[in-house]
All heavy atoms as atom14 arrays in JSON, in Angstrom:
{
  "sequence": "ADFAAAEDAVQDALVEAVRVWPADPPRDPKGWLVTVAWRRFLDATRA",
  "atom14_mask": [
    [1, 1, 1, 1, 1, 0, 0, 0, 0, 0, 0, 0, 0, 0],
    [1, 1, 1, 1, 1, 1, 1, 1, 0, 0, 0, 0, 0, 0],
    [1, 1, 1, 1, 1, 1, 1, 1, 1, 1, 1, 0, 0, 0],
    [1, 1, 1, 1, 1, 0, 0, 0, 0, 0, 0, 0, 0, 0],
    [1, 1, 1, 1, 1, 0, 0, 0, 0, 0, 0, 0, 0, 0],
    [1, 1, 1, 1, 1, 0, 0, 0, 0, 0, 0, 0, 0, 0],
    [1, 1, 1, 1, 1, 1, 1, 1, 1, 0, 0, 0, 0, 0],
    [1, 1, 1, 1, 1, 1, 1, 1, 0, 0, 0, 0, 0, 0],
    [1, 1, 1, 1, 1, 0, 0, 0, 0, 0, 0, 0, 0, 0],
    [1, 1, 1, 1, 1, 1, 1, 0, 0, 0, 0, 0, 0, 0],
    [1, 1, 1, 1, 1, 1, 1, 1, 1, 0, 0, 0, 0, 0],
    [1, 1, 1, 1, 1, 1, 1, 1, 0, 0, 0, 0, 0, 0],
    [1, 1, 1, 1, 1, 0, 0, 0, 0, 0, 0, 0, 0, 0],
    [1, 1, 1, 1, 1, 1, 1, 1, 0, 0, 0, 0, 0, 0],
    [1, 1, 1, 1, 1, 1, 1, 0, 0, 0, 0, 0, 0, 0],
    [1, 1, 1, 1, 1, 1, 1, 1, 1, 0, 0, 0, 0, 0],
    [1, 1, 1, 1, 1, 0, 0, 0, 0, 0, 0, 0, 0, 0],
    [1, 1, 1, 1, 1, 1, 1, 0, 0, 0, 0, 0, 0, 0],
    [1, 1, 1, 1, 1, 1, 1, 1, 1, 1, 1, 0, 0, 0],
    [1, 1, 1, 1, 1, 1, 1, 0, 0, 0, 0, 0, 0, 0],
    [1, 1, 1, 1, 1, 1, 1, 1, 1, 1, 1, 1, 1, 1],
    [1, 1, 1, 1, 1, 1, 1, 0, 0, 0, 0, 0, 0, 0],
    [1, 1, 1, 1, 1, 0, 0, 0, 0, 0, 0, 0, 0, 0],
    [1, 1, 1, 1, 1, 1, 1, 1, 0, 0, 0, 0, 0, 0],
    [1, 1, 1, 1, 1, 1, 1, 0, 0, 0, 0, 0, 0, 0],
    [1, 1, 1, 1, 1, 1, 1, 0, 0, 0, 0, 0, 0, 0],
    [1, 1, 1, 1, 1, 1, 1, 1, 1, 1, 1, 0, 0, 0],
    [1, 1, 1, 1, 1, 1, 1, 1, 0, 0, 0, 0, 0, 0],
    [1, 1, 1, 1, 1, 1, 1, 0, 0, 0, 0, 0, 0, 0],
    [1, 1, 1, 1, 1, 1, 1, 1, 1, 0, 0, 0, 0, 0],
    [1, 1, 1, 1, 0, 0, 0, 0, 0, 0, 0, 0, 0, 0],
    [1, 1, 1, 1, 1, 1, 1, 1, 1, 1, 1, 1, 1, 1],
    [1, 1, 1, 1, 1, 1, 1, 1, 0, 0, 0, 0, 0, 0],
    [1, 1, 1, 1, 1, 1, 1, 0, 0, 0, 0, 0, 0, 0],
    [1, 1, 1, 1, 1, 1, 1, 0, 0, 0, 0, 0, 0, 0],
    [1, 1, 1, 1, 1, 1, 1, 0, 0, 0, 0, 0, 0, 0],
    [1, 1, 1, 1, 1, 0, 0, 0, 0, 0, 0, 0, 0, 0],
    [1, 1, 1, 1, 1, 1, 1, 1, 1, 1, 1, 1, 1, 1],
    [1, 1, 1, 1, 1, 1, 1, 1, 1, 1, 1, 0, 0, 0],
    [1, 1, 1, 1, 1, 1, 1, 1, 1, 1, 1, 0, 0, 0],
    [1, 1, 1, 1, 1, 1, 1, 1, 1, 1, 1, 0, 0, 0],
    [1, 1, 1, 1, 1, 1, 1, 1, 0, 0, 0, 0, 0, 0],
    [1, 1, 1, 1, 1, 1, 1, 1, 0, 0, 0, 0, 0, 0],
    [1, 1, 1, 1, 1, 0, 0, 0, 0, 0, 0, 0, 0, 0],
    [1, 1, 1, 1, 1, 1, 1, 0, 0, 0, 0, 0, 0, 0],
    [1, 1, 1, 1, 1, 1, 1, 1, 1, 1, 1, 0, 0, 0],
    [1, 1, 1, 1, 1, 0, 0, 0, 0, 0, 0, 0, 0, 0]
  ],
  "atom14_positions": [
    [[-11.35, 6.57, -3.45], [-10.93, 5.66, -4.49], [-12.02, 4.8, -4.91], [-12.77, 4.24, -4.06], [-9.69, 4.81, -3.92], [0.0, 0.0, 0.0], [0.0, 0.0, 0.0], [0.0, 0.0, 0.0], [0.0, 0.0, 0.0], [0.0, 0.0, 0.0], [0.0, 0.0, 0.0], [0.0, 0.0, 0.0], [0.0, 0.0, 0.0], [0.0, 0.0, 0.0]],
    [[-12.08, 4.53, -6.32], [-13.09, 3.53, -6.69], [-12.62, 2.1, -6.37], [-11.4, 1.91, -6.08], [-13.37, 3.67, -8.2], [-12.29, 3.28, -9.13], [-11.78, 2.12, -8.92], [-12.04, 4.03, -10.03], [0.0, 0.0, 0.0], [0.0, 0.0, 0.0], [0.0, 0.0, 0.0], [0.0, 0.0, 0.0], [0.0, 0.0, 0.0], [0.0, 0.0, 0.0]],
    [[-13.44, 1.22, -6.37], [-13.22, -0.15, -5.82], [-12.01, -0.77, -6.48], [-11.12, -1.3, -5.86], [-14.46, -0.98, -5.83], [-14.35, -2.27, -5.14], [-14.9, -2.29, -3.78], [-13.82, -3.42, -5.53], [-14.8, -3.41, -3.01], [-13.67, -4.56, -4.8], [-14.22, -4.57, -3.57], [0.0, 0.0, 0.0], [0.0, 0.0, 0.0], [0.0, 0.0, 0.0]],
    [[-12.06, -0.81, -7.86], [-11.04, -1.5, -8.6], [-9.68, -0.95, -8.29], [-8.59, -1.56, -8.15], [-11.3, -1.52, -10.04], [0.0, 0.0, 0.0], [0.0, 0.0, 0.0], [0.0, 0.0, 0.0], [0.0, 0.0, 0.0], [0.0, 0.0, 0.0], [0.0, 0.0, 0.0], [0.0, 0.0, 0.0], [0.0, 0.0, 0.0], [0.0, 0.0, 0.0]],
    [[-9.55, 0.4, -8.43], [-8.21, 1.15, -8.18], [-7.75, 0.96, -6.77], [-6.56, 0.76, -6.52], [-8.4, 2.62, -8.52], [0.0, 0.0, 0.0], [0.0, 0.0, 0.0], [0.0, 0.0, 0.0], [0.0, 0.0, 0.0], [0.0, 0.0, 0.0], [0.0, 0.0, 0.0], [0.0, 0.0, 0.0], [0.0, 0.0, 0.0], [0.0, 0.0, 0.0]],
    [[-8.7, 0.97, -5.84], [-8.31, 0.75, -4.37], [-7.72, -0.68, -4.2], [-6.75, -0.8, -3.53], [-9.51, 0.97, -3.48], [0.0, 0.0, 0.0], [0.0, 0.0, 0.0], [0.0, 0.0, 0.0], [0.0, 0.0, 0.0], [0.0, 0.0, 0.0], [0.0, 0.0, 0.0], [0.0, 0.0, 0.0], [0.0, 0.0, 0.0], [0.0, 0.0, 0.0]],
    [[-8.34, -1.6, -4.82], [-7.85, -2.98, -4.66], [-6.47, -3.12, -5.26], [-5.56, -3.77, -4.66], [-8.79, -4.0, -5.2], [-8.37, -5.49, -4.88], [-9.25, -6.5, -5.44], [-9.68, -6.31, -6.65], [-9.57, -7.5, -4.83], [0.0, 0.0, 0.0], [0.0, 0.0, 0.0], [0.0, 0.0, 0.0], [0.0, 0.0, 0.0], [0.0, 0.0, 0.0]],
    [[-6.27, -2.54, -6.42], [-4.92, -2.62, -7.04], [-3.92, -1.95, -6.16], [-2.78, -2.48, -5.98], [-4.98, -1.85, -8.4], [-5.7, -2.6, -9.48], [-5.93, -3.86, -9.25], [-6.18, -2.0, -10.43], [0.0, 0.0, 0.0], [0.0, 0.0, 0.0], [0.0, 0.0, 0.0], [0.0, 0.0, 0.0], [0.0, 0.0, 0.0], [0.0, 0.0, 0.0]],
    [[-4.23, -0.8, -5.54], [-3.23, -0.14, -4.7], [-2.97, -0.99, -3.42], [-1.89, -1.03, -2.92], [-3.95, 1.21, -4.18], [0.0, 0.0, 0.0], [0.0, 0.0, 0.0], [0.0, 0.0, 0.0], [0.0, 0.0, 0.0], [0.0, 0.0, 0.0], [0.0, 0.0, 0.0], [0.0, 0.0, 0.0], [0.0, 0.0, 0.0], [0.0, 0.0, 0.0]],
    [[-4.02, -1.64, -2.86], [-3.81, -2.41, -1.68], [-2.97, -3.61, -1.99], [-2.02, -4.0, -1.24], [-5.16, -2.97, -1.05], [-4.89, -3.97, 0.06], [-5.97, -1.77, -0.57], [0.0, 0.0, 0.0], [0.0, 0.0, 0.0], [0.0, 0.0, 0.0], [0.0, 0.0, 0.0], [0.0, 0.0, 0.0], [0.0, 0.0, 0.0], [0.0, 0.0, 0.0]],
    [[-3.11, -4.24, -3.17], [-2.23, -5.32, -3.58], [-0.85, -4.91, -3.67], [0.1, -5.63, -3.32], [-2.81, -5.96, -4.94], [-4.19, -6.67, -4.75], [-4.2, -7.82, -3.69], [-3.27, -8.55, -3.7], [-5.23, -7.72, -2.89], [0.0, 0.0, 0.0], [0.0, 0.0, 0.0], [0.0, 0.0, 0.0], [0.0, 0.0, 0.0], [0.0, 0.0, 0.0]],
    [[-0.62, -3.71, -4.25], [0.76, -3.23, -4.42], [1.36, -3.03, -3.02], [2.55, -3.34, -2.78], [0.75, -1.9, -5.16], [0.45, -1.99, -6.6], [0.69, -3.21, -7.06], [0.14, -1.05, -7.28], [0.0, 0.0, 0.0], [0.0, 0.0, 0.0], [0.0, 0.0, 0.0], [0.0, 0.0, 0.0], [0.0, 0.0, 0.0], [0.0, 0.0, 0.0]],
    [[0.51, -2.51, -2.1], [1.02, -2.31, -0.71], [1.41, -3.62, -0.05], [2.37, -3.72, 0.7], [-0.02, -1.53, 0.11], [0.0, 0.0, 0.0], [0.0, 0.0, 0.0], [0.0, 0.0, 0.0], [0.0, 0.0, 0.0], [0.0, 0.0, 0.0], [0.0, 0.0, 0.0], [0.0, 0.0, 0.0], [0.0, 0.0, 0.0], [0.0, 0.0, 0.0]],
    [[0.57, -4.65, -0.26], [0.87, -5.91, 0.25], [2.19, -6.5, -0.27], [2.99, -7.12, 0.48], [-0.3, -6.94, -0.01], [-1.62, -6.57, 0.68], [-2.63, -7.62, 0.19], [-1.51, -6.65, 2.17], [0.0, 0.0, 0.0], [0.0, 0.0, 0.0], [0.0, 0.0, 0.0], [0.0, 0.0, 0.0], [0.0, 0.0, 0.0], [0.0, 0.0, 0.0]],
    [[2.38, -6.36, -1.6], [3.7, -6.82, -2.07], [4.86, -6.06, -1.5], [5.87, -6.63, -1.18], [3.65, -6.61, -3.65], [5.12, -6.87, -4.25], [2.62, -7.48, -4.31], [0.0, 0.0, 0.0], [0.0, 0.0, 0.0], [0.0, 0.0, 0.0], [0.0, 0.0, 0.0], [0.0, 0.0, 0.0], [0.0, 0.0, 0.0], [0.0, 0.0, 0.0]],
    [[4.69, -4.79, -1.27], [5.75, -4.06, -0.59], [5.99, -4.47, 0.85], [7.06, -4.55, 1.32], [5.37, -2.51, -0.66], [6.43, -1.55, -0.16], [7.65, -1.54, -1.03], [7.66, -2.09, -2.15], [8.61, -0.82, -0.68], [0.0, 0.0, 0.0], [0.0, 0.0, 0.0], [0.0, 0.0, 0.0], [0.0, 0.0, 0.0], [0.0, 0.0, 0.0]],
    [[4.82, -4.78, 1.5], [4.99, -5.31, 2.91], [5.81, -6.61, 2.91], [6.6, -6.84, 3.89], [3.62, -5.45, 3.48], [0.0, 0.0, 0.0], [0.0, 0.0, 0.0], [0.0, 0.0, 0.0], [0.0, 0.0, 0.0], [0.0, 0.0, 0.0], [0.0, 0.0, 0.0], [0.0, 0.0, 0.0], [0.0, 0.0, 0.0], [0.0, 0.0, 0.0]],
    [[5.56, -7.53, 1.95], [6.24, -8.78, 1.92], [7.74, -8.53, 1.81], [8.58, -9.19, 2.36], [5.7, -9.68, 0.8], [6.62, -10.84, 0.56], [4.24, -10.07, 1.13], [0.0, 0.0, 0.0], [0.0, 0.0, 0.0], [0.0, 0.0, 0.0], [0.0, 0.0, 0.0], [0.0, 0.0, 0.0], [0.0, 0.0, 0.0], [0.0, 0.0, 0.0]],
    [[8.06, -7.44, 1.0], [9.47, -7.1, 0.73], [10.09, -6.42, 1.91], [11.3, -6.78, 2.29], [9.54, -6.24, -0.45], [10.96, -6.0, -0.95], [11.03, -5.05, -2.14], [10.62, -3.67, -1.76], [11.46, -2.73, -1.2], [12.69, -3.09, -0.99], [10.97, -1.57, -0.95], [0.0, 0.0, 0.0], [0.0, 0.0, 0.0], [0.0, 0.0, 0.0]],
    [[9.4, -5.6, 2.6], [10.06, -4.66, 3.56], [9.9, -5.23, 5.02], [10.82, -5.09, 5.82], [9.41, -3.22, 3.46], [9.87, -2.28, 4.61], [9.78, -2.66, 2.16], [0.0, 0.0, 0.0], [0.0, 0.0, 0.0], [0.0, 0.0, 0.0], [0.0, 0.0, 0.0], [0.0, 0.0, 0.0], [0.0, 0.0, 0.0], [0.0, 0.0, 0.0]],
    [[8.8, -5.74, 5.43], [8.52, -6.08, 6.75], [9.51, -7.06, 7.44], [9.77, -6.78, 8.61], [7.08, -6.57, 6.98], [6.02, -5.43, 6.86], [6.22, -4.23, 6.39], [4.63, -5.59, 7.14], [5.07, -3.48, 6.42], [4.05, -4.24, 6.95], [3.86, -6.5, 7.66], [2.72, -4.02, 7.1], [2.45, -6.35, 7.9], [1.93, -5.05, 7.61]],
    [[9.93, -8.05, 6.8], [10.87, -9.0, 7.46], [12.01, -8.3, 8.08], [12.53, -8.64, 9.1], [11.32, -10.0, 6.34], [10.11, -9.95, 5.36], [9.55, -8.55, 5.36], [0.0, 0.0, 0.0], [0.0, 0.0, 0.0], [0.0, 0.0, 0.0], [0.0, 0.0, 0.0], [0.0, 0.0, 0.0], [0.0, 0.0, 0.0], [0.0, 0.0, 0.0]],
    [[12.59, -7.29, 7.38], [13.76, -6.64, 7.87], [13.44, -5.35, 8.71], [14.2, -4.98, 9.62], [14.64, -6.14, 6.7], [0.0, 0.0, 0.0], [0.0, 0.0, 0.0], [0.0, 0.0, 0.0], [0.0, 0.0, 0.0], [0.0, 0.0, 0.0], [0.0, 0.0, 0.0], [0.0, 0.0, 0.0], [0.0, 0.0, 0.0], [0.0, 0.0, 0.0]],
    [[12.28, -4.8, 8.54], [11.86, -3.53, 9.23], [10.38, -3.58, 9.48], [9.63, -2.88, 8.94], [12.21, -2.36, 8.34], [11.93, -1.04, 9.06], [11.91, -1.01, 10.26], [11.92, 0.03, 8.37], [0.0, 0.0, 0.0], [0.0, 0.0, 0.0], [0.0, 0.0, 0.0], [0.0, 0.0, 0.0], [0.0, 0.0, 0.0], [0.0, 0.0, 0.0]],
    [[9.89, -4.4, 10.45], [8.52, -4.46, 10.71], [7.89, -3.15, 11.23], [8.59, -2.51, 12.14], [8.35, -5.6, 11.78], [9.81, -5.67, 12.39], [10.72, -5.26, 11.3], [0.0, 0.0, 0.0], [0.0, 0.0, 0.0], [0.0, 0.0, 0.0], [0.0, 0.0, 0.0], [0.0, 0.0, 0.0], [0.0, 0.0, 0.0], [0.0, 0.0, 0.0]],
    [[6.74, -2.71, 10.82], [6.22, -1.41, 11.31], [5.55, -1.61, 12.72], [5.15, -2.65, 13.07], [5.15, -1.08, 10.25], [4.71, -2.4, 9.81], [5.91, -3.3, 9.84], [0.0, 0.0, 0.0], [0.0, 0.0, 0.0], [0.0, 0.0, 0.0], [0.0, 0.0, 0.0], [0.0, 0.0, 0.0], [0.0, 0.0, 0.0], [0.0, 0.0, 0.0]],
    [[5.54, -0.43, 13.43], [4.91, -0.47, 14.76], [3.36, -0.55, 14.54], [2.7, -1.1, 15.37], [5.19, 0.8, 15.48], [6.71, 0.9, 15.85], [6.98, 2.22, 16.62], [8.39, 2.29, 17.06], [8.9, 3.33, 17.71], [8.03, 4.36, 18.08], [10.19, 3.31, 17.99], [0.0, 0.0, 0.0], [0.0, 0.0, 0.0], [0.0, 0.0, 0.0]],
    [[2.88, 0.08, 13.52], [1.48, 0.08, 13.2], [1.19, -0.51, 11.82], [1.17, 0.2, 10.88], [0.9, 1.55, 13.32], [-0.62, 1.57, 13.03], [-1.26, 0.55, 13.03], [-1.03, 2.69, 12.57], [0.0, 0.0, 0.0], [0.0, 0.0, 0.0], [0.0, 0.0, 0.0], [0.0, 0.0, 0.0], [0.0, 0.0, 0.0], [0.0, 0.0, 0.0]],
    [[1.01, -1.82, 11.7], [0.89, -2.46, 10.39], [-0.26, -1.92, 9.57], [-0.12, -1.65, 8.4], [0.61, -3.91, 10.76], [1.31, -4.16, 12.07], [1.03, -2.79, 12.79], [0.0, 0.0, 0.0], [0.0, 0.0, 0.0], [0.0, 0.0, 0.0], [0.0, 0.0, 0.0], [0.0, 0.0, 0.0], [0.0, 0.0, 0.0], [0.0, 0.0, 0.0]],
    [[-1.37, -1.67, 10.16], [-2.52, -1.13, 9.38], [-2.19, 0.3, 8.91], [-2.47, 0.57, 7.77], [-3.82, -1.1, 10.2], [-5.02, -0.61, 9.43], [-6.26, -0.6, 10.3], [-7.37, 0.16, 9.61], [-8.58, 0.19, 10.38], [0.0, 0.0, 0.0], [0.0, 0.0, 0.0], [0.0, 0.0, 0.0], [0.0, 0.0, 0.0], [0.0, 0.0, 0.0]],
    [[-1.65, 1.11, 9.76], [-1.34, 2.48, 9.36], [-0.32, 2.58, 8.26], [-0.42, 3.31, 7.28], [0.0, 0.0, 0.0], [0.0, 0.0, 0.0], [0.0, 0.0, 0.0], [0.0, 0.0, 0.0], [0.0, 0.0, 0.0], [0.0, 0.0, 0.0], [0.0, 0.0, 0.0], [0.0, 0.0, 0.0], [0.0, 0.0, 0.0], [0.0, 0.0, 0.0]],
    [[0.64, 1.61, 8.31], [1.61, 1.51, 7.3], [1.0, 1.1, 5.94], [1.32, 1.73, 4.88], [2.69, 0.41, 7.68], [3.92, 0.34, 6.81], [5.15, 0.92, 7.03], [4.07, -0.38, 5.59], [5.98, 0.63, 6.02], [5.39, -0.16, 5.09], [3.24, -1.19, 4.83], [5.91, -0.73, 3.95], [3.69, -1.72, 3.65], [5.01, -1.54, 3.27]],
    [[0.15, 0.09, 5.92], [-0.52, -0.3, 4.68], [-1.38, 0.72, 4.09], [-1.45, 0.93, 2.92], [-1.36, -1.56, 4.94], [-0.56, -2.91, 5.24], [-1.44, -4.04, 5.74], [0.14, -3.31, 3.95], [0.0, 0.0, 0.0], [0.0, 0.0, 0.0], [0.0, 0.0, 0.0], [0.0, 0.0, 0.0], [0.0, 0.0, 0.0], [0.0, 0.0, 0.0]],
    [[-2.11, 1.46, 4.98], [-3.03, 2.55, 4.51], [-2.15, 3.62, 3.78], [-2.52, 4.09, 2.74], [-3.83, 3.08, 5.71], [-4.51, 4.4, 5.28], [-4.97, 2.13, 6.21], [0.0, 0.0, 0.0], [0.0, 0.0, 0.0], [0.0, 0.0, 0.0], [0.0, 0.0, 0.0], [0.0, 0.0, 0.0], [0.0, 0.0, 0.0], [0.0, 0.0, 0.0]],
    [[-1.01, 3.97, 4.45], [-0.2, 5.05, 3.94], [0.34, 4.63, 2.61], [0.32, 5.31, 1.55], [0.95, 5.38, 4.91], [0.35, 5.86, 6.09], [1.84, 6.43, 4.28], [0.0, 0.0, 0.0], [0.0, 0.0, 0.0], [0.0, 0.0, 0.0], [0.0, 0.0, 0.0], [0.0, 0.0, 0.0], [0.0, 0.0, 0.0], [0.0, 0.0, 0.0]],
    [[1.0, 3.43, 2.45], [1.55, 2.96, 1.27], [0.5, 2.74, 0.15], [0.7, 3.07, -1.01], [2.34, 1.67, 1.52], [2.88, 1.02, 0.12], [3.54, 1.92, 2.4], [0.0, 0.0, 0.0], [0.0, 0.0, 0.0], [0.0, 0.0, 0.0], [0.0, 0.0, 0.0], [0.0, 0.0, 0.0], [0.0, 0.0, 0.0], [0.0, 0.0, 0.0]],
    [[-0.6, 2.16, 0.53], [-1.73, 1.98, -0.49], [-2.22, 3.28, -0.98], [-2.51, 3.38, -2.2], [-2.8, 1.18, 0.16], [0.0, 0.0, 0.0], [0.0, 0.0, 0.0], [0.0, 0.0, 0.0], [0.0, 0.0, 0.0], [0.0, 0.0, 0.0], [0.0, 0.0, 0.0], [0.0, 0.0, 0.0], [0.0, 0.0, 0.0], [0.0, 0.0, 0.0]],
    [[-2.34, 4.28, -0.08], [-2.87, 5.54, -0.61], [-1.93, 6.19, -1.53], [-2.26, 6.85, -2.47], [-3.18, 6.42, 0.63], [-3.87, 7.7, 0.33], [-3.39, 8.88, 0.31], [-5.27, 7.76, -0.17], [-4.36, 9.82, -0.09], [-5.54, 9.23, -0.36], [-6.29, 6.86, -0.47], [-6.68, 9.68, -0.83], [-7.46, 7.38, -0.87], [-7.65, 8.72, -1.11]],
    [[-0.62, 6.07, -1.26], [0.4, 6.6, -2.12], [0.33, 5.89, -3.52], [0.36, 6.58, -4.53], [1.75, 6.42, -1.59], [2.13, 7.35, -0.41], [3.42, 6.94, 0.24], [3.79, 7.93, 1.24], [4.69, 7.76, 2.21], [5.45, 6.51, 2.15], [5.0, 8.52, 3.13], [0.0, 0.0, 0.0], [0.0, 0.0, 0.0], [0.0, 0.0, 0.0]],
    [[0.17, 4.58, -3.49], [0.03, 3.9, -4.8], [-1.18, 4.33, -5.59], [-1.08, 4.49, -6.74], [0.0, 2.38, -4.51], [1.33, 1.8, -3.9], [2.36, 1.85, -4.95], [3.56, 1.02, -4.43], [4.5, 1.54, -3.66], [4.46, 2.82, -3.26], [5.54, 0.76, -3.27], [0.0, 0.0, 0.0], [0.0, 0.0, 0.0], [0.0, 0.0, 0.0]],
    [[-2.27, 4.48, -4.81], [-3.46, 5.0, -5.51], [-3.33, 6.34, -6.04], [-3.7, 6.64, -7.24], [-4.69, 5.03, -4.51], [-5.86, 5.79, -5.0], [-6.67, 5.29, -6.06], [-6.21, 7.02, -4.53], [-7.78, 5.91, -6.55], [-7.26, 7.72, -5.04], [-8.05, 7.21, -6.06], [0.0, 0.0, 0.0], [0.0, 0.0, 0.0], [0.0, 0.0, 0.0]],
    [[-2.68, 7.29, -5.29], [-2.46, 8.67, -5.91], [-1.54, 8.54, -7.07], [-1.74, 9.25, -8.11], [-1.88, 9.56, -4.78], [-2.77, 9.88, -3.63], [-2.06, 10.76, -2.54], [-4.02, 10.6, -4.14], [0.0, 0.0, 0.0], [0.0, 0.0, 0.0], [0.0, 0.0, 0.0], [0.0, 0.0, 0.0], [0.0, 0.0, 0.0], [0.0, 0.0, 0.0]],
    [[-0.46, 7.81, -6.98], [0.4, 7.64, -8.16], [-0.29, 7.22, -9.43], [-0.08, 7.71, -10.46], [1.53, 6.75, -7.79], [2.53, 7.35, -6.8], [2.51, 8.66, -6.59], [3.31, 6.54, -6.14], [0.0, 0.0, 0.0], [0.0, 0.0, 0.0], [0.0, 0.0, 0.0], [0.0, 0.0, 0.0], [0.0, 0.0, 0.0], [0.0, 0.0, 0.0]],
    [[-1.16, 6.15, -9.19], [-1.89, 5.58, -10.27], [-2.89, 6.6, -10.95], [-3.09, 6.69, -12.11], [-2.5, 4.36, -9.88], [0.0, 0.0, 0.0], [0.0, 0.0, 0.0], [0.0, 0.0, 0.0], [0.0, 0.0, 0.0], [0.0, 0.0, 0.0], [0.0, 0.0, 0.0], [0.0, 0.0, 0.0], [0.0, 0.0, 0.0], [0.0, 0.0, 0.0]],
    [[-3.46, 7.35, -9.98], [-4.46, 8.32, -10.4], [-3.82, 9.43, -11.32], [-4.33, 9.81, -12.34], [-5.17, 8.9, -9.21], [-5.82, 7.89, -8.47], [-6.24, 9.95, -9.68], [0.0, 0.0, 0.0], [0.0, 0.0, 0.0], [0.0, 0.0, 0.0], [0.0, 0.0, 0.0], [0.0, 0.0, 0.0], [0.0, 0.0, 0.0], [0.0, 0.0, 0.0]],
    [[-2.77, 9.86, -10.78], [-2.01, 11.04, -11.51], [-1.51, 10.53, -12.82], [-1.35, 11.32, -13.77], [-0.9, 11.52, -10.65], [-1.5, 12.24, -9.36], [-0.41, 12.87, -8.54], [-0.91, 13.52, -7.32], [-0.63, 13.17, -6.05], [0.22, 12.19, -5.93], [-1.15, 13.82, -5.16], [0.0, 0.0, 0.0], [0.0, 0.0, 0.0], [0.0, 0.0, 0.0]],
    [[-1.11, 9.23, -12.88], [-0.52, 8.77, -14.12], [-1.53, 8.37, -15.17], [-1.15, 8.21, -16.41], [0.3, 7.49, -13.86], [0.0, 0.0, 0.0], [0.0, 0.0, 0.0], [0.0, 0.0, 0.0], [0.0, 0.0, 0.0], [0.0, 0.0, 0.0], [0.0, 0.0, 0.0], [0.0, 0.0, 0.0], [0.0, 0.0, 0.0], [0.0, 0.0, 0.0]]
  ]
}
């Protein structure tokens, strides 16, 4: 991912974490963020 797109994806993942984690905290926070951020990057890239 290029730097700007990666940062946008990470910010989206952080927003999702704020929404989801209080009710369903992940066992591996970093792995969860990497997975969600990578999905966001792929979605943005394809779009």
